[in-house]
Amino acid sequence: DLYRKVFVFRNDPSDAYVLLRAKLEQPLENLTVCLRSYTDLSRPHSLFSYATKAQDNEILLFKPKPSEYRFYVGGKFVTFRVPEGRGDWEHVCISWESATGMAEFWFNGKPWPRKGLQRGYAVGAEGAALLGQEQDAFGGGFDVYNSFSGELADVYLWDAGLSPDKMRAAYLSLRLPPAILAWKSLSYEVKGDVVVKPRLRE
């Protein structure tokens, strides 16, 4: 249970990452990823990466610059532009549904205009999920200049689209439905220089 704790990725650039043990036996036709990040990086960096043997960017949440988030499903992506951070934690939730190809992006508890992505696609099962690096090959192929440096917390992955109420609940750290990956019962392995510490500020 990592409640009120964070992963601190201490080095920049870094070869460190956190491997998440996700039990994903079936392909995904709906999903939501939520996480909170705190960084002063201005270069591109990866937050959440899920790769299968067939597709390295099966699910990817990537920040090419401080005012942009990119969300990939099956190698294709949409871009969401956000206000440039003022040195605060940023909370993002992004959901996707195959039936409509709809990507829904929530930033600090508020919805952004929805975008179309990969209608009819299914995200492959039995992949490698990790924080802090972008996979260019299954479980590896990292570029240190896409690595994350800073603090990460409140990481979740659901095999469903979350309702607006639950999106807001994730931002406010309220009770959430059972998840494939849940911060309060996370099965993970630290690879390299990442330290678990108490959260210092909201």
N, C-alpha and C. Protein backbone atom coordinates (compact mmCIF):
# COMPACT_ATOMS: atom_id res chain seq x y z
N ASP A 1 0.85 -1.19 0.00
CA ASP A 1 0.00 0.00 0.00
C ASP A 1 0.88 1.25 0.00
N LEU A 2 0.82 2.00 -1.09
CA LEU A 2 1.69 3.18 -1.24
C LEU A 2 0.93 4.49 -0.96
N TYR A 3 -0.15 4.39 -0.20
CA TYR A 3 -0.93 5.58 0.13
C TYR A 3 -0.02 6.64 0.77
N ARG A 4 -0.10 7.87 0.27
CA ARG A 4 0.70 9.02 0.73
C ARG A 4 2.20 8.82 0.57
N LYS A 5 2.57 7.89 -0.33
CA LYS A 5 3.98 7.72 -0.67
C LYS A 5 4.19 8.05 -2.15
N VAL A 6 5.46 8.18 -2.54
CA VAL A 6 5.81 8.48 -3.93
C VAL A 6 7.02 7.65 -4.34
N PHE A 7 7.14 7.43 -5.65
CA PHE A 7 8.40 6.96 -6.22
C PHE A 7 9.22 8.20 -6.58
N VAL A 8 10.44 8.29 -6.06
CA VAL A 8 11.34 9.38 -6.44
C VAL A 8 12.38 8.82 -7.42
N PHE A 9 12.32 9.33 -8.65
CA PHE A 9 13.32 9.01 -9.67
C PHE A 9 14.39 10.09 -9.55
N ARG A 10 15.56 9.72 -9.00
CA ARG A 10 16.49 10.74 -8.50
C ARG A 10 17.40 11.32 -9.58
N ASN A 11 17.68 10.56 -10.63
CA ASN A 11 18.71 10.99 -11.58
C ASN A 11 18.11 11.54 -12.87
N ASP A 12 18.87 12.44 -13.53
CA ASP A 12 18.46 12.97 -14.82
C ASP A 12 19.70 13.15 -15.69
N PRO A 13 19.79 12.46 -16.85
CA PRO A 13 18.86 11.40 -17.28
C PRO A 13 19.09 10.14 -16.47
N SER A 14 18.23 9.16 -16.69
CA SER A 14 18.24 7.99 -15.82
C SER A 14 17.98 6.72 -16.62
N ASP A 15 18.53 5.60 -16.12
CA ASP A 15 18.19 4.30 -16.71
C ASP A 15 17.25 3.52 -15.78
N ALA A 16 16.77 4.21 -14.73
CA ALA A 16 15.93 3.54 -13.73
C ALA A 16 14.47 3.47 -14.18
N TYR A 17 13.75 2.48 -13.66
CA TYR A 17 12.31 2.38 -13.90
C TYR A 17 11.67 1.51 -12.83
N VAL A 18 10.36 1.53 -12.81
CA VAL A 18 9.60 0.66 -11.91
C VAL A 18 8.75 -0.27 -12.77
N LEU A 19 8.97 -1.57 -12.60
CA LEU A 19 8.20 -2.58 -13.33
C LEU A 19 6.93 -2.88 -12.54
N LEU A 20 5.79 -2.78 -13.20
CA LEU A 20 4.50 -3.03 -12.55
C LEU A 20 3.98 -4.40 -12.96
N ARG A 21 3.53 -5.16 -11.99
CA ARG A 21 3.01 -6.49 -12.31
C ARG A 21 1.51 -6.39 -12.52
N ALA A 22 1.12 -6.26 -13.77
CA ALA A 22 -0.30 -6.16 -14.11
C ALA A 22 -0.80 -7.52 -14.55
N LYS A 23 -1.94 -7.90 -14.03
CA LYS A 23 -2.55 -9.17 -14.44
C LYS A 23 -3.51 -8.89 -15.60
N LEU A 24 -2.96 -8.91 -16.79
CA LEU A 24 -3.77 -8.60 -17.98
C LEU A 24 -3.80 -9.82 -18.87
N GLU A 25 -4.85 -10.65 -18.67
CA GLU A 25 -4.90 -11.91 -19.43
C GLU A 25 -5.71 -11.76 -20.71
N GLN A 26 -6.63 -10.79 -20.74
CA GLN A 26 -7.49 -10.57 -21.91
C GLN A 26 -7.11 -9.27 -22.60
N PRO A 27 -7.28 -9.21 -23.94
CA PRO A 27 -7.10 -7.92 -24.61
C PRO A 27 -8.06 -6.87 -24.04
N LEU A 28 -7.64 -5.63 -24.06
CA LEU A 28 -8.44 -4.53 -23.50
C LEU A 28 -9.16 -3.76 -24.61
N GLU A 29 -10.47 -3.58 -24.44
CA GLU A 29 -11.21 -2.73 -25.37
C GLU A 29 -11.65 -1.44 -24.70
N ASN A 30 -11.43 -1.35 -23.40
CA ASN A 30 -11.67 -0.12 -22.65
C ASN A 30 -10.58 -0.02 -21.60
N LEU A 31 -10.12 1.19 -21.32
CA LEU A 31 -9.11 1.34 -20.29
C LEU A 31 -9.10 2.76 -19.76
N THR A 32 -8.59 2.89 -18.54
CA THR A 32 -8.30 4.20 -17.96
C THR A 32 -6.95 4.11 -17.24
N VAL A 33 -6.10 5.09 -17.48
CA VAL A 33 -4.83 5.22 -16.76
C VAL A 33 -4.88 6.54 -15.99
N CYS A 34 -4.54 6.50 -14.69
CA CYS A 34 -4.43 7.73 -13.91
C CYS A 34 -3.07 7.74 -13.20
N LEU A 35 -2.49 8.93 -13.07
CA LEU A 35 -1.29 9.07 -12.26
C LEU A 35 -1.05 10.54 -11.93
N ARG A 36 -0.18 10.74 -10.94
CA ARG A 36 0.19 12.07 -10.49
C ARG A 36 1.71 12.19 -10.63
N SER A 37 2.16 13.32 -11.20
CA SER A 37 3.60 13.51 -11.39
C SER A 37 4.03 14.89 -10.92
N TYR A 38 5.30 14.96 -10.55
CA TYR A 38 5.87 16.20 -10.01
C TYR A 38 7.30 16.26 -10.51
N THR A 39 7.57 17.19 -11.44
CA THR A 39 8.89 17.23 -12.07
C THR A 39 9.18 18.64 -12.55
N ASP A 40 10.46 18.95 -12.70
CA ASP A 40 10.83 20.22 -13.34
C ASP A 40 11.47 19.98 -14.71
N LEU A 41 11.29 18.77 -15.26
CA LEU A 41 11.84 18.46 -16.58
C LEU A 41 11.17 19.31 -17.66
N SER A 42 11.97 19.79 -18.61
CA SER A 42 11.37 20.43 -19.78
C SER A 42 11.58 19.59 -21.04
N ARG A 43 12.46 18.56 -20.94
CA ARG A 43 12.68 17.67 -22.09
C ARG A 43 11.59 16.59 -22.14
N PRO A 44 11.48 15.87 -23.27
CA PRO A 44 10.49 14.79 -23.36
C PRO A 44 10.71 13.72 -22.29
N HIS A 45 9.60 13.19 -21.75
CA HIS A 45 9.74 12.09 -20.80
C HIS A 45 8.49 11.21 -20.79
N SER A 46 8.73 9.94 -20.47
CA SER A 46 7.67 8.94 -20.43
C SER A 46 7.17 8.78 -18.99
N LEU A 47 5.86 8.69 -18.83
CA LEU A 47 5.27 8.50 -17.51
C LEU A 47 4.84 7.05 -17.31
N PHE A 48 4.00 6.55 -18.23
CA PHE A 48 3.48 5.18 -18.12
C PHE A 48 3.63 4.52 -19.48
N SER A 49 4.24 3.33 -19.50
CA SER A 49 4.46 2.60 -20.75
C SER A 49 4.01 1.16 -20.61
N TYR A 50 3.18 0.70 -21.55
CA TYR A 50 2.75 -0.70 -21.58
C TYR A 50 3.03 -1.23 -22.98
N ALA A 51 3.87 -2.24 -23.07
CA ALA A 51 4.28 -2.79 -24.36
C ALA A 51 3.97 -4.28 -24.42
N THR A 52 3.64 -4.73 -25.62
CA THR A 52 3.52 -6.17 -25.88
C THR A 52 4.62 -6.54 -26.87
N LYS A 53 4.75 -7.82 -27.13
CA LYS A 53 5.77 -8.25 -28.09
C LYS A 53 5.46 -7.71 -29.49
N ALA A 54 4.18 -7.51 -29.79
CA ALA A 54 3.78 -7.03 -31.12
C ALA A 54 3.86 -5.51 -31.26
N GLN A 55 3.72 -4.77 -30.15
CA GLN A 55 3.59 -3.31 -30.24
C GLN A 55 4.24 -2.65 -29.01
N ASP A 56 5.30 -1.87 -29.25
CA ASP A 56 6.00 -1.29 -28.09
C ASP A 56 5.22 -0.14 -27.44
N ASN A 57 4.45 0.61 -28.24
CA ASN A 57 3.62 1.68 -27.66
C ASN A 57 2.15 1.26 -27.61
N GLU A 58 1.90 0.12 -26.98
CA GLU A 58 0.53 -0.40 -26.85
C GLU A 58 -0.31 0.61 -26.05
N ILE A 59 0.20 1.00 -24.88
CA ILE A 59 -0.36 2.14 -24.13
C ILE A 59 0.84 2.98 -23.70
N LEU A 60 0.81 4.27 -23.99
CA LEU A 60 1.92 5.13 -23.56
C LEU A 60 1.37 6.50 -23.20
N LEU A 61 1.74 6.96 -22.01
CA LEU A 61 1.47 8.34 -21.62
C LEU A 61 2.82 9.05 -21.60
N PHE A 62 2.95 10.03 -22.49
CA PHE A 62 4.25 10.64 -22.77
C PHE A 62 4.10 12.16 -22.75
N LYS A 63 5.12 12.83 -22.24
CA LYS A 63 5.09 14.29 -22.19
C LYS A 63 6.24 14.84 -23.02
N PRO A 64 5.98 15.25 -24.29
CA PRO A 64 7.06 15.74 -25.14
C PRO A 64 7.60 17.09 -24.68
N LYS A 65 6.75 17.91 -24.06
CA LYS A 65 7.17 19.20 -23.51
C LYS A 65 6.22 19.60 -22.39
N PRO A 66 6.57 20.63 -21.59
CA PRO A 66 5.76 20.93 -20.40
C PRO A 66 4.29 21.25 -20.69
N SER A 67 3.97 21.70 -21.91
CA SER A 67 2.59 22.09 -22.20
C SER A 67 1.81 21.04 -23.00
N GLU A 68 2.31 19.80 -23.03
CA GLU A 68 1.68 18.79 -23.87
C GLU A 68 1.74 17.40 -23.26
N TYR A 69 0.64 16.67 -23.38
CA TYR A 69 0.63 15.23 -23.09
C TYR A 69 0.28 14.50 -24.37
N ARG A 70 0.97 13.39 -24.60
CA ARG A 70 0.62 12.52 -25.72
C ARG A 70 0.15 11.19 -25.17
N PHE A 71 -0.94 10.70 -25.72
CA PHE A 71 -1.49 9.41 -25.30
C PHE A 71 -1.52 8.48 -26.51
N TYR A 72 -0.82 7.36 -26.38
CA TYR A 72 -0.75 6.37 -27.46
C TYR A 72 -1.60 5.15 -27.12
N VAL A 73 -2.28 4.63 -28.14
CA VAL A 73 -2.91 3.31 -28.08
C VAL A 73 -2.53 2.60 -29.37
N GLY A 74 -1.89 1.45 -29.25
CA GLY A 74 -1.53 0.66 -30.43
C GLY A 74 -0.66 1.42 -31.42
N GLY A 75 0.25 2.25 -30.91
CA GLY A 75 1.21 2.93 -31.77
C GLY A 75 0.74 4.25 -32.36
N LYS A 76 -0.57 4.56 -32.27
CA LYS A 76 -1.08 5.85 -32.75
C LYS A 76 -1.31 6.75 -31.53
N PHE A 77 -1.25 8.08 -31.74
CA PHE A 77 -1.40 8.95 -30.58
C PHE A 77 -2.28 10.17 -30.85
N VAL A 78 -2.79 10.74 -29.78
CA VAL A 78 -3.44 12.05 -29.80
C VAL A 78 -2.70 12.94 -28.80
N THR A 79 -2.76 14.25 -29.04
CA THR A 79 -2.05 15.23 -28.20
C THR A 79 -3.07 16.10 -27.45
N PHE A 80 -2.81 16.30 -26.17
CA PHE A 80 -3.63 17.20 -25.36
C PHE A 80 -2.73 18.32 -24.85
N ARG A 81 -3.12 19.57 -25.15
CA ARG A 81 -2.32 20.73 -24.72
C ARG A 81 -2.83 21.23 -23.38
N VAL A 82 -1.90 21.49 -22.48
CA VAL A 82 -2.27 21.88 -21.11
C VAL A 82 -1.49 23.14 -20.73
N PRO A 83 -1.95 23.86 -19.69
CA PRO A 83 -1.16 25.00 -19.22
C PRO A 83 0.18 24.52 -18.70
N GLU A 84 1.22 25.28 -18.94
CA GLU A 84 2.54 24.88 -18.47
C GLU A 84 2.57 24.91 -16.95
N GLY A 85 3.17 23.88 -16.36
CA GLY A 85 3.14 23.73 -14.91
C GLY A 85 3.80 24.88 -14.17
N ARG A 86 3.32 25.14 -12.98
CA ARG A 86 3.91 26.18 -12.13
C ARG A 86 4.57 25.52 -10.92
N GLY A 87 5.22 24.39 -11.16
CA GLY A 87 5.90 23.72 -10.06
C GLY A 87 4.96 23.01 -9.11
N ASP A 88 3.81 22.56 -9.63
CA ASP A 88 2.85 21.81 -8.82
C ASP A 88 2.78 20.37 -9.30
N TRP A 89 2.21 19.52 -8.45
CA TRP A 89 1.83 18.18 -8.90
C TRP A 89 0.82 18.32 -10.04
N GLU A 90 0.92 17.43 -11.03
CA GLU A 90 -0.08 17.37 -12.10
C GLU A 90 -0.73 15.99 -12.05
N HIS A 91 -2.07 15.99 -12.04
CA HIS A 91 -2.81 14.73 -12.04
C HIS A 91 -3.48 14.56 -13.40
N VAL A 92 -3.24 13.42 -14.04
CA VAL A 92 -3.91 13.13 -15.31
C VAL A 92 -4.62 11.78 -15.23
N CYS A 93 -5.79 11.74 -15.84
CA CYS A 93 -6.51 10.49 -16.09
C CYS A 93 -6.87 10.48 -17.56
N ILE A 94 -6.64 9.36 -18.20
CA ILE A 94 -7.00 9.27 -19.60
C ILE A 94 -7.70 7.94 -19.84
N SER A 95 -8.85 8.02 -20.50
CA SER A 95 -9.58 6.78 -20.79
C SER A 95 -9.76 6.65 -22.29
N TRP A 96 -9.94 5.41 -22.71
CA TRP A 96 -10.10 5.11 -24.14
C TRP A 96 -11.10 3.98 -24.28
N GLU A 97 -11.97 4.10 -25.29
CA GLU A 97 -12.89 2.98 -25.58
C GLU A 97 -12.81 2.64 -27.07
N SER A 98 -12.67 1.34 -27.30
CA SER A 98 -12.51 0.84 -28.66
C SER A 98 -13.75 1.08 -29.52
N ALA A 99 -14.94 0.87 -28.95
CA ALA A 99 -16.19 0.92 -29.73
C ALA A 99 -16.37 2.26 -30.46
N THR A 100 -16.04 3.35 -29.78
CA THR A 100 -16.18 4.68 -30.40
C THR A 100 -14.84 5.28 -30.80
N GLY A 101 -13.73 4.66 -30.34
CA GLY A 101 -12.42 5.24 -30.57
C GLY A 101 -12.27 6.58 -29.86
N MET A 102 -12.88 6.69 -28.69
CA MET A 102 -12.88 7.97 -27.98
C MET A 102 -11.79 7.98 -26.90
N ALA A 103 -10.95 9.02 -26.93
CA ALA A 103 -9.96 9.24 -25.87
C ALA A 103 -10.41 10.44 -25.05
N GLU A 104 -10.50 10.23 -23.75
CA GLU A 104 -11.00 11.26 -22.83
C GLU A 104 -9.87 11.60 -21.85
N PHE A 105 -9.55 12.89 -21.75
CA PHE A 105 -8.38 13.32 -20.97
C PHE A 105 -8.85 14.27 -19.87
N TRP A 106 -8.45 13.93 -18.63
CA TRP A 106 -8.77 14.78 -17.48
C TRP A 106 -7.47 15.29 -16.87
N PHE A 107 -7.39 16.60 -16.67
CA PHE A 107 -6.19 17.23 -16.15
C PHE A 107 -6.53 17.98 -14.86
N ASN A 108 -5.92 17.55 -13.76
CA ASN A 108 -6.21 18.14 -12.45
C ASN A 108 -7.72 18.22 -12.18
N GLY A 109 -8.40 17.11 -12.48
CA GLY A 109 -9.82 16.99 -12.15
C GLY A 109 -10.78 17.62 -13.13
N LYS A 110 -10.28 18.11 -14.28
CA LYS A 110 -11.16 18.75 -15.27
C LYS A 110 -11.01 18.06 -16.63
N PRO A 111 -12.16 17.87 -17.33
CA PRO A 111 -12.10 17.21 -18.64
C PRO A 111 -11.65 18.17 -19.74
N TRP A 112 -10.85 17.64 -20.65
CA TRP A 112 -10.43 18.36 -21.85
C TRP A 112 -11.33 17.93 -23.02
N PRO A 113 -11.34 18.65 -24.15
CA PRO A 113 -12.11 18.16 -25.31
C PRO A 113 -11.65 16.76 -25.73
N ARG A 114 -12.62 15.87 -25.99
CA ARG A 114 -12.31 14.49 -26.34
C ARG A 114 -11.77 14.39 -27.77
N LYS A 115 -11.01 13.34 -28.01
CA LYS A 115 -10.40 13.14 -29.33
C LYS A 115 -10.58 11.69 -29.78
N GLY A 116 -10.49 11.48 -31.08
CA GLY A 116 -10.67 10.15 -31.66
C GLY A 116 -9.35 9.42 -31.80
N LEU A 117 -9.34 8.12 -31.45
CA LEU A 117 -8.11 7.33 -31.48
C LEU A 117 -8.43 5.84 -31.60
N GLN A 118 -7.93 5.20 -32.64
CA GLN A 118 -7.89 3.74 -32.76
C GLN A 118 -9.24 3.05 -32.52
N ARG A 119 -10.26 3.51 -33.24
CA ARG A 119 -11.57 2.87 -33.15
C ARG A 119 -11.47 1.40 -33.61
N GLY A 120 -12.08 0.51 -32.82
CA GLY A 120 -12.09 -0.91 -33.18
C GLY A 120 -10.84 -1.69 -32.80
N TYR A 121 -9.88 -1.02 -32.18
CA TYR A 121 -8.61 -1.66 -31.80
C TYR A 121 -8.78 -2.42 -30.48
N ALA A 122 -7.93 -3.40 -30.24
CA ALA A 122 -7.88 -4.06 -28.93
C ALA A 122 -6.42 -4.07 -28.46
N VAL A 123 -6.21 -3.62 -27.24
CA VAL A 123 -4.87 -3.60 -26.64
C VAL A 123 -4.48 -5.01 -26.24
N GLY A 124 -3.32 -5.45 -26.67
CA GLY A 124 -2.88 -6.83 -26.44
C GLY A 124 -2.66 -7.16 -24.97
N ALA A 125 -2.85 -8.43 -24.64
CA ALA A 125 -2.63 -8.90 -23.27
C ALA A 125 -1.16 -9.30 -23.09
N GLU A 126 -0.83 -9.65 -21.84
CA GLU A 126 0.49 -10.19 -21.49
C GLU A 126 1.62 -9.25 -21.90
N GLY A 127 1.48 -8.00 -21.51
CA GLY A 127 2.51 -7.01 -21.82
C GLY A 127 3.35 -6.67 -20.61
N ALA A 128 4.30 -5.77 -20.82
CA ALA A 128 5.15 -5.26 -19.74
C ALA A 128 4.73 -3.81 -19.45
N ALA A 129 4.36 -3.55 -18.19
CA ALA A 129 3.94 -2.20 -17.78
C ALA A 129 5.03 -1.61 -16.91
N LEU A 130 5.43 -0.37 -17.22
CA LEU A 130 6.44 0.24 -16.37
C LEU A 130 6.33 1.76 -16.31
N LEU A 131 6.93 2.31 -15.28
CA LEU A 131 6.94 3.75 -15.03
C LEU A 131 8.35 4.28 -15.24
N GLY A 132 8.44 5.45 -15.85
CA GLY A 132 9.72 6.17 -15.88
C GLY A 132 10.57 5.99 -17.11
N GLN A 133 10.22 5.04 -17.99
CA GLN A 133 10.94 4.85 -19.25
C GLN A 133 9.93 4.57 -20.36
N GLU A 134 10.33 4.86 -21.58
CA GLU A 134 9.54 4.48 -22.74
C GLU A 134 10.15 3.23 -23.36
N GLN A 135 9.34 2.19 -23.55
CA GLN A 135 9.83 0.95 -24.14
C GLN A 135 9.87 1.08 -25.67
N ASP A 136 11.05 0.86 -26.26
CA ASP A 136 11.15 0.77 -27.71
C ASP A 136 11.27 -0.68 -28.14
N ALA A 137 11.23 -1.57 -27.17
CA ALA A 137 11.18 -3.01 -27.41
C ALA A 137 10.48 -3.57 -26.17
N PHE A 138 9.99 -4.79 -26.26
CA PHE A 138 9.25 -5.40 -25.14
C PHE A 138 10.14 -5.44 -23.90
N GLY A 139 9.78 -4.64 -22.88
CA GLY A 139 10.52 -4.64 -21.62
C GLY A 139 11.87 -3.95 -21.66
N GLY A 140 12.16 -3.22 -22.74
CA GLY A 140 13.48 -2.58 -22.82
C GLY A 140 13.58 -1.59 -23.97
N GLY A 141 14.80 -1.44 -24.50
CA GLY A 141 15.03 -0.50 -25.59
C GLY A 141 14.87 0.95 -25.16
N PHE A 142 15.36 1.28 -23.96
CA PHE A 142 15.13 2.62 -23.41
C PHE A 142 16.08 3.66 -24.02
N ASP A 143 15.58 4.89 -24.14
CA ASP A 143 16.39 6.05 -24.46
C ASP A 143 16.42 6.90 -23.19
N VAL A 144 17.61 7.09 -22.59
CA VAL A 144 17.67 7.80 -21.30
C VAL A 144 17.14 9.23 -21.42
N TYR A 145 17.16 9.79 -22.65
CA TYR A 145 16.67 11.16 -22.81
C TYR A 145 15.14 11.23 -22.95
N ASN A 146 14.48 10.08 -22.81
CA ASN A 146 13.01 10.05 -22.64
C ASN A 146 12.65 9.57 -21.24
N SER A 147 13.64 9.48 -20.35
CA SER A 147 13.39 8.96 -19.00
C SER A 147 12.73 10.03 -18.13
N PHE A 148 12.04 9.57 -17.10
CA PHE A 148 11.41 10.47 -16.15
C PHE A 148 12.36 10.75 -14.99
N SER A 149 12.33 11.99 -14.52
CA SER A 149 13.06 12.35 -13.32
C SER A 149 12.13 13.21 -12.47
N GLY A 150 11.97 12.85 -11.20
CA GLY A 150 11.02 13.56 -10.34
C GLY A 150 10.25 12.57 -9.49
N GLU A 151 8.99 12.90 -9.18
CA GLU A 151 8.18 12.08 -8.29
C GLU A 151 6.90 11.63 -8.99
N LEU A 152 6.55 10.37 -8.76
CA LEU A 152 5.31 9.80 -9.33
C LEU A 152 4.50 9.17 -8.20
N ALA A 153 3.17 9.30 -8.31
CA ALA A 153 2.29 8.73 -7.29
C ALA A 153 0.92 8.41 -7.90
N ASP A 154 0.11 7.72 -7.12
CA ASP A 154 -1.32 7.49 -7.44
C ASP A 154 -1.51 6.90 -8.85
N VAL A 155 -0.74 5.84 -9.14
CA VAL A 155 -0.81 5.19 -10.45
C VAL A 155 -1.90 4.13 -10.44
N TYR A 156 -2.79 4.19 -11.44
CA TYR A 156 -3.88 3.22 -11.58
C TYR A 156 -4.07 2.84 -13.04
N LEU A 157 -4.49 1.60 -13.26
CA LEU A 157 -4.94 1.16 -14.58
C LEU A 157 -6.22 0.35 -14.40
N TRP A 158 -7.27 0.76 -15.10
CA TRP A 158 -8.54 0.02 -15.09
C TRP A 158 -8.82 -0.54 -16.47
N ASP A 159 -9.56 -1.65 -16.51
CA ASP A 159 -9.98 -2.24 -17.79
C ASP A 159 -11.39 -1.74 -18.14
N ALA A 160 -11.65 -0.47 -17.86
CA ALA A 160 -12.96 0.15 -18.12
C ALA A 160 -12.75 1.65 -18.22
N GLY A 161 -13.69 2.32 -18.85
CA GLY A 161 -13.70 3.78 -18.83
C GLY A 161 -14.32 4.24 -17.52
N LEU A 162 -13.70 5.19 -16.86
CA LEU A 162 -14.26 5.70 -15.59
C LEU A 162 -15.30 6.78 -15.86
N SER A 163 -16.32 6.81 -15.02
CA SER A 163 -17.34 7.86 -15.11
C SER A 163 -16.73 9.20 -14.68
N PRO A 164 -17.36 10.33 -15.05
CA PRO A 164 -16.86 11.64 -14.60
C PRO A 164 -16.71 11.72 -13.08
N ASP A 165 -17.64 11.13 -12.33
CA ASP A 165 -17.54 11.15 -10.86
C ASP A 165 -16.27 10.45 -10.39
N LYS A 166 -15.96 9.32 -11.03
CA LYS A 166 -14.77 8.56 -10.62
C LYS A 166 -13.48 9.25 -11.08
N MET A 167 -13.53 9.92 -12.23
CA MET A 167 -12.38 10.71 -12.67
C MET A 167 -12.05 11.78 -11.63
N ARG A 168 -13.09 12.44 -11.14
CA ARG A 168 -12.88 13.47 -10.10
C ARG A 168 -12.42 12.84 -8.79
N ALA A 169 -12.97 11.66 -8.47
CA ALA A 169 -12.58 10.95 -7.25
C ALA A 169 -11.09 10.58 -7.29
N ALA A 170 -10.60 10.19 -8.48
CA ALA A 170 -9.17 9.85 -8.62
C ALA A 170 -8.32 11.09 -8.32
N TYR A 171 -8.74 12.24 -8.84
CA TYR A 171 -8.00 13.48 -8.60
C TYR A 171 -7.98 13.84 -7.12
N LEU A 172 -9.11 13.61 -6.44
CA LEU A 172 -9.24 13.97 -5.03
C LEU A 172 -8.76 12.86 -4.08
N SER A 173 -8.23 11.76 -4.65
CA SER A 173 -7.76 10.61 -3.85
C SER A 173 -8.86 10.02 -2.98
N LEU A 174 -10.07 9.93 -3.54
CA LEU A 174 -11.19 9.31 -2.83
C LEU A 174 -11.26 7.82 -3.20
N ARG A 175 -12.29 7.16 -2.70
CA ARG A 175 -12.43 5.71 -2.97
C ARG A 175 -12.65 5.46 -4.45
N LEU A 176 -12.00 4.41 -4.94
CA LEU A 176 -12.05 4.09 -6.37
C LEU A 176 -12.41 2.63 -6.57
N PRO A 177 -12.96 2.31 -7.75
CA PRO A 177 -13.30 0.90 -8.02
C PRO A 177 -12.04 0.03 -8.13
N PRO A 178 -12.19 -1.30 -7.95
CA PRO A 178 -11.05 -2.21 -8.08
C PRO A 178 -10.37 -2.04 -9.44
N ALA A 179 -9.04 -2.10 -9.45
CA ALA A 179 -8.27 -1.83 -10.67
C ALA A 179 -7.29 -2.95 -10.96
N ILE A 180 -6.84 -3.04 -12.23
CA ILE A 180 -5.79 -3.99 -12.61
C ILE A 180 -4.50 -3.61 -11.89
N LEU A 181 -4.20 -2.30 -11.88
CA LEU A 181 -3.08 -1.76 -11.12
C LEU A 181 -3.64 -0.72 -10.16
N ALA A 182 -3.39 -0.86 -8.88
CA ALA A 182 -3.93 0.09 -7.90
C ALA A 182 -2.82 0.53 -6.95
N TRP A 183 -2.71 1.83 -6.72
CA TRP A 183 -1.65 2.39 -5.89
C TRP A 183 -1.69 1.84 -4.47
N LYS A 184 -2.90 1.50 -4.00
CA LYS A 184 -3.03 1.04 -2.61
C LYS A 184 -2.77 -0.46 -2.45
N SER A 185 -2.51 -1.13 -3.57
CA SER A 185 -2.11 -2.56 -3.48
C SER A 185 -1.24 -2.88 -4.70
N LEU A 186 -0.13 -2.15 -4.82
CA LEU A 186 0.69 -2.22 -6.03
C LEU A 186 1.73 -3.33 -5.92
N SER A 187 1.75 -4.18 -6.93
CA SER A 187 2.80 -5.19 -7.04
C SER A 187 3.84 -4.65 -8.02
N TYR A 188 5.05 -4.37 -7.53
CA TYR A 188 6.03 -3.70 -8.38
C TYR A 188 7.45 -4.14 -8.02
N GLU A 189 8.37 -3.80 -8.92
CA GLU A 189 9.78 -4.08 -8.70
C GLU A 189 10.57 -2.86 -9.17
N VAL A 190 11.41 -2.32 -8.29
CA VAL A 190 12.23 -1.17 -8.63
C VAL A 190 13.49 -1.64 -9.36
N LYS A 191 13.78 -1.01 -10.50
CA LYS A 191 14.99 -1.33 -11.27
C LYS A 191 15.84 -0.07 -11.34
N GLY A 192 16.94 -0.05 -10.60
CA GLY A 192 17.81 1.12 -10.63
C GLY A 192 17.48 2.10 -9.51
N ASP A 193 17.85 3.36 -9.71
CA ASP A 193 17.84 4.35 -8.64
C ASP A 193 16.47 5.02 -8.50
N VAL A 194 15.55 4.31 -7.87
CA VAL A 194 14.22 4.85 -7.56
C VAL A 194 13.97 4.54 -6.08
N VAL A 195 13.51 5.54 -5.33
CA VAL A 195 13.32 5.39 -3.89
C VAL A 195 11.87 5.68 -3.54
N VAL A 196 11.30 4.88 -2.65
CA VAL A 196 9.95 5.15 -2.15
C VAL A 196 10.06 6.04 -0.92
N LYS A 197 9.39 7.20 -0.95
CA LYS A 197 9.44 8.15 0.16
C LYS A 197 8.04 8.68 0.46
N PRO A 198 7.84 9.24 1.68
CA PRO A 198 6.56 9.87 1.96
C PRO A 198 6.35 11.09 1.05
N ARG A 199 5.09 11.38 0.75
CA ARG A 199 4.80 12.56 -0.07
C ARG A 199 4.98 13.82 0.76
N LEU A 200 5.69 14.81 0.23
CA LEU A 200 6.01 16.01 0.99
C LEU A 200 4.92 17.06 0.93
N ARG A 201 4.21 17.11 -0.22
CA ARG A 201 3.25 18.20 -0.35
C ARG A 201 2.11 17.73 -1.24
N GLU A 202 1.01 18.44 -1.15
CA GLU A 202 -0.17 18.07 -1.94
C GLU A 202 0.00 18.54 -3.38
